[in-house]
Amino acid sequence: MFPNLGYLLRWFTGWNISLPIPTFGFCMALSFWAAYVIFTLEFRRKQRMGAISPNIPIGRLMDRLLLWCGLIGFAGALLLAKLEGHTGLNYFGGLLFGMITYLFILHRKGIALTTALDIGSPGMMLAYAIGRIGCHLAGDGDWGIISSSPKPAWLSWAPDWVWAAHYPHNAIRQGVFLSGCHGDYCSVLPAGVFPTSLYESLVCLALFFTLWTLRRRLTVPGSLFFVYALFTGLERFLVEFIRITPKHLFLGLSLSQAQWIALGFLLIGLSGIGYILTTSAKKAYFYQSIVCPDRS
């Protein structure tokens, strides 16, 4: 793997140049930049549509959001990671704290809650996809359980590490010594594990493009966010079954902290979509937008 950019450069070019910038940190910065671009595009589109006052300077607003959502979201990510008993960051902690900050700032600007949530949905999904590929490239411990069964036939075209990754040179130095290795990162997992961060990155990238396509079709306020909540809740709930996160027994169910939060997102998404589908004035429009979009 590539704990810092020096390892990544060496793999691409063969050049042995020291670049001690953490790969995960670089991908996190890239995810913030991508989210900034997508949020800005959506803010400007909503402003042209009249959903946002033309007097609000979008560039200045985005700078403020980037600062405060980044700082408070980072604090939330640290807090929930500590509560879960992990070092590092917790995605849902960053998402929840960042979202509350985002909504508070936009409420002060007179922007409707549903409009704010719709604007943020595609950008949040893209940022998560980029952040997760950083986890995989660095080998930061966000991997899955041991992959003990043989690679299935339908994955015969893929390299073995897609099914069972050993994460050589992982950033947290976990595993056994990698024979012949010299340097600071000489550990490799003795048994292959599911590269769950890679799976999440690929799935969430596809979900981002889906949301990006739907954003023009779903004009009922809040509908895009409800679809996002359904997507993100379902994706995270399922992948946690093959991740190494600790499980907590509650109400007779043994689930991880992330799965309990994911259930909340699933409930929000299903409830919101259900409300739209049972509201006669919006039901036909929602159905037409998703199932039979106008292609003229």
C-alpha atoms as a PDB file:
ATOM      1  CA  MET A   1       0.000   0.000   0.000  1.00  0.00           C
ATOM      2  CA  PHE A   2       0.955   3.661   0.033  1.00  0.00           C
ATOM      3  CA  PRO A   3       1.169   5.160   3.554  1.00  0.00           C
ATOM      4  CA  ASN A   4       2.542   8.394   2.083  1.00  0.00           C
ATOM      5  CA  LEU A   5       2.844   9.967  -1.350  1.00  0.00           C
ATOM      6  CA  GLY A   6       6.474   8.848  -1.648  1.00  0.00           C
ATOM      7  CA  TYR A   7       5.324   5.214  -1.857  1.00  0.00           C
ATOM      8  CA  LEU A   8       2.677   6.133  -4.403  1.00  0.00           C
ATOM      9  CA  LEU A   9       5.164   8.040  -6.582  1.00  0.00           C
ATOM     10  CA  ARG A  10       7.621   5.137  -6.422  1.00  0.00           C
ATOM     11  CA  TRP A  11       4.928   2.699  -7.542  1.00  0.00           C
ATOM     12  CA  PHE A  12       3.919   4.889 -10.502  1.00  0.00           C
ATOM     13  CA  THR A  13       7.343   6.028 -11.684  1.00  0.00           C
ATOM     14  CA  GLY A  14      10.035   4.003  -9.900  1.00  0.00           C
ATOM     15  CA  TRP A  15      11.523   7.234  -8.529  1.00  0.00           C
ATOM     16  CA  ASN A  16      12.731   6.934  -4.937  1.00  0.00           C
ATOM     17  CA  ILE A  17      11.811  10.427  -3.739  1.00  0.00           C
ATOM     18  CA  SER A  18      10.835  11.151  -0.150  1.00  0.00           C
ATOM     19  CA  LEU A  19       7.339  12.642   0.026  1.00  0.00           C
ATOM     20  CA  PRO A  20       6.198  12.195   3.650  1.00  0.00           C
ATOM     21  CA  ILE A  21       2.696  13.583   2.987  1.00  0.00           C
ATOM     22  CA  PRO A  22       0.178  10.977   4.261  1.00  0.00           C
ATOM     23  CA  THR A  23      -1.845   9.477   1.438  1.00  0.00           C
ATOM     24  CA  PHE A  24      -5.005   9.483   3.535  1.00  0.00           C
ATOM     25  CA  GLY A  25      -4.546  13.158   4.397  1.00  0.00           C
ATOM     26  CA  PHE A  26      -4.014  13.995   0.729  1.00  0.00           C
ATOM     27  CA  CYS A  27      -7.223  12.170  -0.232  1.00  0.00           C
ATOM     28  CA  MET A  28      -9.101  13.916   2.571  1.00  0.00           C
ATOM     29  CA  ALA A  29      -7.967  17.286   1.222  1.00  0.00           C
ATOM     30  CA  LEU A  30      -9.014  16.159  -2.262  1.00  0.00           C
ATOM     31  CA  SER A  31     -12.441  15.130  -0.947  1.00  0.00           C
ATOM     32  CA  PHE A  32     -12.920  18.584   0.629  1.00  0.00           C
ATOM     33  CA  TRP A  33     -11.970  20.239  -2.663  1.00  0.00           C
ATOM     34  CA  ALA A  34     -14.358  18.011  -4.651  1.00  0.00           C
ATOM     35  CA  ALA A  35     -17.199  18.693  -2.222  1.00  0.00           C
ATOM     36  CA  TYR A  36     -16.444  22.430  -2.408  1.00  0.00           C
ATOM     37  CA  VAL A  37     -16.791  22.338  -6.216  1.00  0.00           C
ATOM     38  CA  ILE A  38     -20.006  20.297  -6.212  1.00  0.00           C
ATOM     39  CA  PHE A  39     -21.608  22.348  -3.436  1.00  0.00           C
ATOM     40  CA  THR A  40     -20.739  25.576  -5.263  1.00  0.00           C
ATOM     41  CA  LEU A  41     -22.246  24.328  -8.538  1.00  0.00           C
ATOM     42  CA  GLU A  42     -25.454  23.356  -6.760  1.00  0.00           C
ATOM     43  CA  PHE A  43     -25.657  26.612  -4.807  1.00  0.00           C
ATOM     44  CA  ARG A  44     -25.347  28.590  -8.033  1.00  0.00           C
ATOM     45  CA  ARG A  45     -27.926  26.400  -9.792  1.00  0.00           C
ATOM     46  CA  LYS A  46     -30.425  26.854  -6.964  1.00  0.00           C
ATOM     47  CA  GLN A  47     -29.741  30.586  -7.013  1.00  0.00           C
ATOM     48  CA  ARG A  48     -30.531  30.733 -10.739  1.00  0.00           C
ATOM     49  CA  MET A  49     -33.750  28.815 -10.035  1.00  0.00           C
ATOM     50  CA  GLY A  50     -34.768  31.366  -7.410  1.00  0.00           C
ATOM     51  CA  ALA A  51     -34.545  28.980  -4.437  1.00  0.00           C
ATOM     52  CA  ILE A  52     -31.745  31.100  -2.950  1.00  0.00           C
ATOM     53  CA  SER A  53     -31.653  34.888  -2.726  1.00  0.00           C
ATOM     54  CA  PRO A  54     -29.502  36.463  -5.482  1.00  0.00           C
ATOM     55  CA  ASN A  55     -28.055  38.773  -2.825  1.00  0.00           C
ATOM     56  CA  ILE A  56     -26.149  35.945  -1.111  1.00  0.00           C
ATOM     57  CA  PRO A  57     -22.497  35.871  -2.274  1.00  0.00           C
ATOM     58  CA  ILE A  58     -21.970  32.142  -2.927  1.00  0.00           C
ATOM     59  CA  GLY A  59     -18.158  32.286  -2.927  1.00  0.00           C
ATOM     60  CA  ARG A  60     -17.993  33.953   0.483  1.00  0.00           C
ATOM     61  CA  LEU A  61     -20.654  31.606   1.858  1.00  0.00           C
ATOM     62  CA  MET A  62     -18.748  28.527   0.660  1.00  0.00           C
ATOM     63  CA  ASP A  63     -15.517  29.746   2.266  1.00  0.00           C
ATOM     64  CA  ARG A  64     -17.327  30.128   5.580  1.00  0.00           C
ATOM     65  CA  LEU A  65     -18.947  26.708   5.261  1.00  0.00           C
ATOM     66  CA  LEU A  66     -15.627  25.073   4.419  1.00  0.00           C
ATOM     67  CA  LEU A  67     -13.984  26.553   7.500  1.00  0.00           C
ATOM     68  CA  TRP A  68     -16.650  25.875  10.119  1.00  0.00           C
ATOM     69  CA  CYS A  69     -18.030  22.596   8.784  1.00  0.00           C
ATOM     70  CA  GLY A  70     -14.467  21.316   8.405  1.00  0.00           C
ATOM     71  CA  LEU A  71     -13.436  22.249  11.940  1.00  0.00           C
ATOM     72  CA  ILE A  72     -16.589  21.107  13.731  1.00  0.00           C
ATOM     73  CA  GLY A  73     -16.989  18.044  11.523  1.00  0.00           C
ATOM     74  CA  PHE A  74     -13.392  17.034  12.311  1.00  0.00           C
ATOM     75  CA  ALA A  75     -14.123  17.402  16.041  1.00  0.00           C
ATOM     76  CA  GLY A  76     -17.232  15.230  15.659  1.00  0.00           C
ATOM     77  CA  ALA A  77     -15.281  12.587  13.762  1.00  0.00           C
ATOM     78  CA  LEU A  78     -12.721  12.432  16.574  1.00  0.00           C
ATOM     79  CA  LEU A  79     -15.409  12.325  19.273  1.00  0.00           C
ATOM     80  CA  LEU A  80     -17.392   9.424  17.819  1.00  0.00           C
ATOM     81  CA  ALA A  81     -14.195   7.507  17.093  1.00  0.00           C
ATOM     82  CA  LYS A  82     -13.233   7.832  20.768  1.00  0.00           C
ATOM     83  CA  LEU A  83     -16.712   6.718  21.858  1.00  0.00           C
ATOM     84  CA  GLU A  84     -16.373   3.671  19.595  1.00  0.00           C
ATOM     85  CA  GLY A  85     -12.975   2.861  21.108  1.00  0.00           C
ATOM     86  CA  HIS A  86     -10.981   3.593  17.962  1.00  0.00           C
ATOM     87  CA  THR A  87      -8.155   5.916  17.092  1.00  0.00           C
ATOM     88  CA  GLY A  88      -8.519   7.998  13.955  1.00  0.00           C
ATOM     89  CA  LEU A  89     -11.761   9.436  12.598  1.00  0.00           C
ATOM     90  CA  ASN A  90     -15.402   8.335  12.466  1.00  0.00           C
ATOM     91  CA  TYR A  91     -17.207   9.238   9.238  1.00  0.00           C
ATOM     92  CA  PHE A  92     -20.687   9.519  10.721  1.00  0.00           C
ATOM     93  CA  GLY A  93     -19.345  11.753  13.496  1.00  0.00           C
ATOM     94  CA  GLY A  94     -17.922  14.123  10.903  1.00  0.00           C
ATOM     95  CA  LEU A  95     -21.086  13.927   8.800  1.00  0.00           C
ATOM     96  CA  LEU A  96     -23.510  14.626  11.665  1.00  0.00           C
ATOM     97  CA  PHE A  97     -21.541  17.448  13.278  1.00  0.00           C
ATOM     98  CA  GLY A  98     -20.703  18.958   9.905  1.00  0.00           C
ATOM     99  CA  MET A  99     -24.312  18.721   8.743  1.00  0.00           C
ATOM    100  CA  ILE A 100     -25.644  20.453  11.856  1.00  0.00           C
ATOM    101  CA  THR A 101     -23.123  23.267  11.369  1.00  0.00           C
ATOM    102  CA  TYR A 102     -23.975  23.516   7.667  1.00  0.00           C
ATOM    103  CA  LEU A 103     -27.720  23.720   8.323  1.00  0.00           C
ATOM    104  CA  PHE A 104     -27.271  26.266  11.122  1.00  0.00           C
ATOM    105  CA  ILE A 105     -25.235  28.602   8.908  1.00  0.00           C
ATOM    106  CA  LEU A 106     -27.653  28.325   5.990  1.00  0.00           C
ATOM    107  CA  HIS A 107     -30.651  28.846   8.285  1.00  0.00           C
ATOM    108  CA  ARG A 108     -29.061  32.110   9.408  1.00  0.00           C
ATOM    109  CA  LYS A 109     -28.888  33.055   5.711  1.00  0.00           C
ATOM    110  CA  GLY A 110     -32.599  32.394   5.231  1.00  0.00           C
ATOM    111  CA  ILE A 111     -32.118  29.267   3.098  1.00  0.00           C
ATOM    112  CA  ALA A 112     -34.826  26.636   3.551  1.00  0.00           C
ATOM    113  CA  LEU A 113     -33.862  23.400   5.299  1.00  0.00           C
ATOM    114  CA  THR A 114     -34.995  21.175   2.421  1.00  0.00           C
ATOM    115  CA  THR A 115     -33.108  23.280  -0.130  1.00  0.00           C
ATOM    116  CA  ALA A 116     -29.940  23.123   1.963  1.00  0.00           C
ATOM    117  CA  LEU A 117     -30.196  19.339   2.324  1.00  0.00           C
ATOM    118  CA  ASP A 118     -30.776  18.806  -1.387  1.00  0.00           C
ATOM    119  CA  ILE A 119     -27.788  20.980  -2.268  1.00  0.00           C
ATOM    120  CA  GLY A 120     -25.459  19.021  -0.002  1.00  0.00           C
ATOM    121  CA  SER A 121     -26.459  15.481  -0.927  1.00  0.00           C
ATOM    122  CA  PRO A 122     -24.358  14.840  -4.083  1.00  0.00           C
ATOM    123  CA  GLY A 123     -21.279  16.575  -2.657  1.00  0.00           C
ATOM    124  CA  MET A 124     -21.384  14.571   0.566  1.00  0.00           C
ATOM    125  CA  MET A 125     -21.568  11.311  -1.366  1.00  0.00           C
ATOM    126  CA  LEU A 126     -18.631  12.246  -3.611  1.00  0.00           C
ATOM    127  CA  ALA A 127     -16.498  13.372  -0.659  1.00  0.00           C
ATOM    128  CA  TYR A 128     -17.106  10.047   1.078  1.00  0.00           C
ATOM    129  CA  ALA A 129     -16.136   8.077  -2.030  1.00  0.00           C
ATOM    130  CA  ILE A 130     -12.826   9.952  -2.323  1.00  0.00           C
ATOM    131  CA  GLY A 131     -12.114   9.692   1.406  1.00  0.00           C
ATOM    132  CA  ARG A 132     -12.672   5.943   1.353  1.00  0.00           C
ATOM    133  CA  ILE A 133     -10.231   5.394  -1.502  1.00  0.00           C
ATOM    134  CA  GLY A 134      -7.710   7.221   0.701  1.00  0.00           C
ATOM    135  CA  CYS A 135      -8.387   4.695   3.468  1.00  0.00           C
ATOM    136  CA  HIS A 136      -7.754   1.834   1.066  1.00  0.00           C
ATOM    137  CA  LEU A 137      -4.603   3.256  -0.515  1.00  0.00           C
ATOM    138  CA  ALA A 138      -3.042   4.067   2.856  1.00  0.00           C
ATOM    139  CA  GLY A 139      -4.143   0.864   4.585  1.00  0.00           C
ATOM    140  CA  ASP A 140      -5.335   2.781   7.641  1.00  0.00           C
ATOM    141  CA  GLY A 141      -7.145  -0.127   9.335  1.00  0.00           C
ATOM    142  CA  ASP A 142     -10.609   0.440   7.865  1.00  0.00           C
ATOM    143  CA  TRP A 143     -10.526  -2.962   6.244  1.00  0.00           C
ATOM    144  CA  GLY A 144     -12.813  -5.935   6.606  1.00  0.00           C
ATOM    145  CA  ILE A 145     -12.821  -9.295   8.311  1.00  0.00           C
ATOM    146  CA  ILE A 146     -10.628 -12.170   7.100  1.00  0.00           C
ATOM    147  CA  SER A 147     -11.675 -13.358   3.653  1.00  0.00           C
ATOM    148  CA  SER A 148     -11.489 -17.108   4.248  1.00  0.00           C
ATOM    149  CA  SER A 149     -13.468 -18.366   1.247  1.00  0.00           C
ATOM    150  CA  PRO A 150     -11.993 -18.667  -2.273  1.00  0.00           C
ATOM    151  CA  LYS A 151     -12.512 -15.835  -4.738  1.00  0.00           C
ATOM    152  CA  PRO A 152     -15.819 -16.455  -6.530  1.00  0.00           C
ATOM    153  CA  ALA A 153     -15.855 -17.326 -10.216  1.00  0.00           C
ATOM    154  CA  TRP A 154     -17.633 -14.101 -11.177  1.00  0.00           C
ATOM    155  CA  LEU A 155     -14.562 -12.218  -9.908  1.00  0.00           C
ATOM    156  CA  SER A 156     -12.068 -14.311 -11.861  1.00  0.00           C
ATOM    157  CA  TRP A 157     -11.160 -11.286 -13.997  1.00  0.00           C
ATOM    158  CA  ALA A 158     -10.076  -9.245 -10.943  1.00  0.00           C
ATOM    159  CA  PRO A 159      -6.740  -9.427  -9.078  1.00  0.00           C
ATOM    160  CA  ASP A 160      -6.750 -11.501  -5.884  1.00  0.00           C
ATOM    161  CA  TRP A 161      -6.476  -8.437  -3.607  1.00  0.00           C
ATOM    162  CA  VAL A 162      -9.964  -7.332  -4.658  1.00  0.00           C
ATOM    163  CA  TRP A 163     -11.278 -10.302  -2.666  1.00  0.00           C
ATOM    164  CA  ALA A 164      -8.505 -10.786  -0.087  1.00  0.00           C
ATOM    165  CA  ALA A 165      -6.107  -7.892   0.491  1.00  0.00           C
ATOM    166  CA  HIS A 166      -2.996  -8.204   2.675  1.00  0.00           C
ATOM    167  CA  TYR A 167      -2.222  -4.461   2.838  1.00  0.00           C
ATOM    168  CA  PRO A 168       1.600  -4.541   2.664  1.00  0.00           C
ATOM    169  CA  HIS A 169       3.261  -1.352   3.972  1.00  0.00           C
ATOM    170  CA  ASN A 170       0.008  -0.365   5.697  1.00  0.00           C
ATOM    171  CA  ALA A 171      -0.006   2.999   7.451  1.00  0.00           C
ATOM    172  CA  ILE A 172      -0.799   1.636  10.929  1.00  0.00           C
ATOM    173  CA  ARG A 173       2.045  -0.936  10.836  1.00  0.00           C
ATOM    174  CA  GLN A 174      -0.276  -3.836  11.615  1.00  0.00           C
ATOM    175  CA  GLY A 175       0.529  -7.469  10.876  1.00  0.00           C
ATOM    176  CA  VAL A 176       3.821  -9.310  10.538  1.00  0.00           C
ATOM    177  CA  PHE A 177       7.184  -8.159   9.219  1.00  0.00           C
ATOM    178  CA  LEU A 178       7.356  -7.933   5.429  1.00  0.00           C
ATOM    179  CA  SER A 179      10.414  -9.905   4.348  1.00  0.00           C
ATOM    180  CA  GLY A 180      13.036  -7.879   2.519  1.00  0.00           C
ATOM    181  CA  CYS A 181      11.424  -4.576   3.428  1.00  0.00           C
ATOM    182  CA  HIS A 182      13.444  -1.538   4.491  1.00  0.00           C
ATOM    183  CA  GLY A 183      11.877   1.609   5.886  1.00  0.00           C
ATOM    184  CA  ASP A 184       9.203   2.727   8.326  1.00  0.00           C
ATOM    185  CA  TYR A 185       6.285   0.703   6.962  1.00  0.00           C
ATOM    186  CA  CYS A 186       7.258  -2.959   6.845  1.00  0.00           C
ATOM    187  CA  SER A 187       4.107  -4.712   7.997  1.00  0.00           C
ATOM    188  CA  VAL A 188       1.715  -6.952   6.062  1.00  0.00           C
ATOM    189  CA  LEU A 189      -1.442  -8.740   7.185  1.00  0.00           C
ATOM    190  CA  PRO A 190      -0.794 -12.489   7.437  1.00  0.00           C
ATOM    191  CA  ALA A 191      -4.329 -13.323   6.252  1.00  0.00           C
ATOM    192  CA  GLY A 192      -6.190 -11.603   3.439  1.00  0.00           C
ATOM    193  CA  VAL A 193      -9.122  -9.394   4.436  1.00  0.00           C
ATOM    194  CA  PHE A 194     -12.010  -7.864   2.514  1.00  0.00           C
ATOM    195  CA  PRO A 195     -10.915  -4.423   1.198  1.00  0.00           C
ATOM    196  CA  THR A 196     -14.149  -2.822   2.364  1.00  0.00           C
ATOM    197  CA  SER A 197     -12.910   0.747   1.854  1.00  0.00           C
ATOM    198  CA  LEU A 198     -12.400  -0.016  -1.827  1.00  0.00           C
ATOM    199  CA  TYR A 199     -15.886  -1.506  -2.085  1.00  0.00           C
ATOM    200  CA  GLU A 200     -17.416   1.559  -0.438  1.00  0.00           C
ATOM    201  CA  SER A 201     -15.497   3.947  -2.659  1.00  0.00           C
ATOM    202  CA  LEU A 202     -16.689   2.263  -5.853  1.00  0.00           C
ATOM    203  CA  VAL A 203     -20.298   1.970  -4.677  1.00  0.00           C
ATOM    204  CA  CYS A 204     -20.459   5.561  -3.426  1.00  0.00           C
ATOM    205  CA  LEU A 205     -18.943   6.889  -6.631  1.00  0.00           C
ATOM    206  CA  ALA A 206     -21.764   5.166  -8.532  1.00  0.00           C
ATOM    207  CA  LEU A 207     -24.295   6.574  -6.049  1.00  0.00           C
ATOM    208  CA  PHE A 208     -22.866  10.073  -6.547  1.00  0.00           C
ATOM    209  CA  PHE A 209     -23.440   9.880 -10.305  1.00  0.00           C
ATOM    210  CA  THR A 210     -26.968   8.618  -9.622  1.00  0.00           C
ATOM    211  CA  LEU A 211     -27.705  11.575  -7.343  1.00  0.00           C
ATOM    212  CA  TRP A 212     -26.100  13.967  -9.812  1.00  0.00           C
ATOM    213  CA  THR A 213     -28.462  12.667 -12.502  1.00  0.00           C
ATOM    214  CA  LEU A 214     -31.531  12.809 -10.260  1.00  0.00           C
ATOM    215  CA  ARG A 215     -30.921  16.332  -8.955  1.00  0.00           C
ATOM    216  CA  ARG A 216     -32.607  17.961 -11.972  1.00  0.00           C
ATOM    217  CA  ARG A 217     -35.503  15.506 -12.041  1.00  0.00           C
ATOM    218  CA  LEU A 218     -36.439  15.640  -8.352  1.00  0.00           C
ATOM    219  CA  THR A 219     -37.724  19.146  -7.802  1.00  0.00           C
ATOM    220  CA  VAL A 220     -39.902  18.324  -4.791  1.00  0.00           C
ATOM    221  CA  PRO A 221     -37.949  20.011  -1.948  1.00  0.00           C
ATOM    222  CA  GLY A 222     -36.127  17.474   0.192  1.00  0.00           C
ATOM    223  CA  SER A 223     -36.633  14.537  -2.177  1.00  0.00           C
ATOM    224  CA  LEU A 224     -32.995  14.348  -3.277  1.00  0.00           C
ATOM    225  CA  PHE A 225     -31.841  14.303   0.345  1.00  0.00           C
ATOM    226  CA  PHE A 226     -34.263  11.488   1.183  1.00  0.00           C
ATOM    227  CA  VAL A 227     -32.803   9.426  -1.668  1.00  0.00           C
ATOM    228  CA  TYR A 228     -29.286  10.257  -0.407  1.00  0.00           C
ATOM    229  CA  ALA A 229     -30.223   9.205   3.144  1.00  0.00           C
ATOM    230  CA  LEU A 230     -31.600   5.918   1.827  1.00  0.00           C
ATOM    231  CA  PHE A 231     -28.460   5.275  -0.240  1.00  0.00           C
ATOM    232  CA  THR A 232     -25.931   6.146   2.462  1.00  0.00           C
ATOM    233  CA  GLY A 233     -27.814   4.271   5.167  1.00  0.00           C
ATOM    234  CA  LEU A 234     -28.209   1.103   3.107  1.00  0.00           C
ATOM    235  CA  GLU A 235     -24.615   1.128   1.842  1.00  0.00           C
ATOM    236  CA  ARG A 236     -23.087   1.574   5.292  1.00  0.00           C
ATOM    237  CA  PHE A 237     -25.442  -0.839   7.044  1.00  0.00           C
ATOM    238  CA  LEU A 238     -24.569  -3.669   4.650  1.00  0.00           C
ATOM    239  CA  VAL A 239     -20.797  -3.171   4.451  1.00  0.00           C
ATOM    240  CA  GLU A 240     -20.476  -3.198   8.241  1.00  0.00           C
ATOM    241  CA  PHE A 241     -21.269  -6.921   8.283  1.00  0.00           C
ATOM    242  CA  ILE A 242     -17.849  -7.643   6.774  1.00  0.00           C
ATOM    243  CA  ARG A 243     -15.883  -4.904   8.567  1.00  0.00           C
ATOM    244  CA  ILE A 244     -13.827  -5.327  11.738  1.00  0.00           C
ATOM    245  CA  THR A 245     -15.757  -2.722  13.726  1.00  0.00           C
ATOM    246  CA  PRO A 246     -16.920  -3.751  17.213  1.00  0.00           C
ATOM    247  CA  LYS A 247     -20.573  -4.672  17.621  1.00  0.00           C
ATOM    248  CA  HIS A 248     -22.891  -3.472  20.403  1.00  0.00           C
ATOM    249  CA  LEU A 249     -25.892  -5.438  21.677  1.00  0.00           C
ATOM    250  CA  PHE A 250     -29.044  -3.297  21.881  1.00  0.00           C
ATOM    251  CA  LEU A 251     -32.710  -4.287  21.589  1.00  0.00           C
ATOM    252  CA  GLY A 252     -31.593  -7.849  20.931  1.00  0.00           C
ATOM    253  CA  LEU A 253     -29.494  -6.836  17.894  1.00  0.00           C
ATOM    254  CA  SER A 254     -25.706  -6.936  17.739  1.00  0.00           C
ATOM    255  CA  LEU A 255     -24.716  -4.102  15.415  1.00  0.00           C
ATOM    256  CA  SER A 256     -21.863  -1.640  15.113  1.00  0.00           C
ATOM    257  CA  GLN A 257     -22.201   2.016  16.060  1.00  0.00           C
ATOM    258  CA  ALA A 258     -22.188   2.887  12.350  1.00  0.00           C
ATOM    259  CA  GLN A 259     -25.010   0.430  11.661  1.00  0.00           C
ATOM    260  CA  TRP A 260     -27.235   1.979  14.319  1.00  0.00           C
ATOM    261  CA  ILE A 261     -26.660   5.412  12.792  1.00  0.00           C
ATOM    262  CA  ALA A 262     -27.176   3.960   9.304  1.00  0.00           C
ATOM    263  CA  LEU A 263     -30.563   2.634  10.438  1.00  0.00           C
ATOM    264  CA  GLY A 264     -31.464   6.205  11.379  1.00  0.00           C
ATOM    265  CA  PHE A 265     -30.562   7.398   7.880  1.00  0.00           C
ATOM    266  CA  LEU A 266     -32.558   4.534   6.374  1.00  0.00           C
ATOM    267  CA  LEU A 267     -35.585   5.498   8.469  1.00  0.00           C
ATOM    268  CA  ILE A 268     -35.296   9.142   7.409  1.00  0.00           C
ATOM    269  CA  GLY A 269     -34.948   8.211   3.753  1.00  0.00           C
ATOM    270  CA  LEU A 270     -37.804   5.726   3.704  1.00  0.00           C
ATOM    271  CA  SER A 271     -40.098   8.002   5.719  1.00  0.00           C
ATOM    272  CA  GLY A 272     -39.412  10.987   3.476  1.00  0.00           C
ATOM    273  CA  ILE A 273     -39.876   9.069   0.230  1.00  0.00           C
ATOM    274  CA  GLY A 274     -42.978   7.393   1.667  1.00  0.00           C
ATOM    275  CA  TYR A 275     -44.453  10.780   2.552  1.00  0.00           C
ATOM    276  CA  ILE A 276     -43.881  12.075  -0.973  1.00  0.00           C
ATOM    277  CA  LEU A 277     -45.362   8.949  -2.548  1.00  0.00           C
ATOM    278  CA  THR A 278     -48.473   9.164  -0.370  1.00  0.00           C
ATOM    279  CA  THR A 279     -49.051  12.845  -1.076  1.00  0.00           C
ATOM    280  CA  SER A 280     -51.337  12.888  -4.080  1.00  0.00           C
ATOM    281  CA  ALA A 281     -50.041  16.143  -5.532  1.00  0.00           C
ATOM    282  CA  LYS A 282     -46.456  14.847  -5.542  1.00  0.00           C
ATOM    283  CA  LYS A 283     -46.845  11.122  -6.113  1.00  0.00           C
ATOM    284  CA  ALA A 284     -47.268  11.270  -9.887  1.00  0.00           C
ATOM    285  CA  TYR A 285     -44.400  13.721 -10.290  1.00  0.00           C
ATOM    286  CA  PHE A 286     -41.986  11.658  -8.184  1.00  0.00           C
ATOM    287  CA  TYR A 287     -42.903   8.495 -10.098  1.00  0.00           C
ATOM    288  CA  GLN A 288     -42.501  10.208 -13.460  1.00  0.00           C
ATOM    289  CA  SER A 289     -39.143  11.710 -12.436  1.00  0.00           C
ATOM    290  CA  ILE A 290     -37.663   8.365 -11.368  1.00  0.00           C
ATOM    291  CA  VAL A 291     -39.383   5.778 -13.539  1.00  0.00           C
ATOM    292  CA  CYS A 292     -40.470   7.648 -16.667  1.00  0.00           C
ATOM    293  CA  PRO A 293     -38.339  10.796 -16.950  1.00  0.00           C
ATOM    294  CA  ASP A 294     -39.073  13.192 -19.765  1.00  0.00           C
ATOM    295  CA  ARG A 295     -36.312  12.688 -22.332  1.00  0.00           C
ATOM    296  CA  SER A 296     -37.361  15.469 -24.660  1.00  0.00           C
END
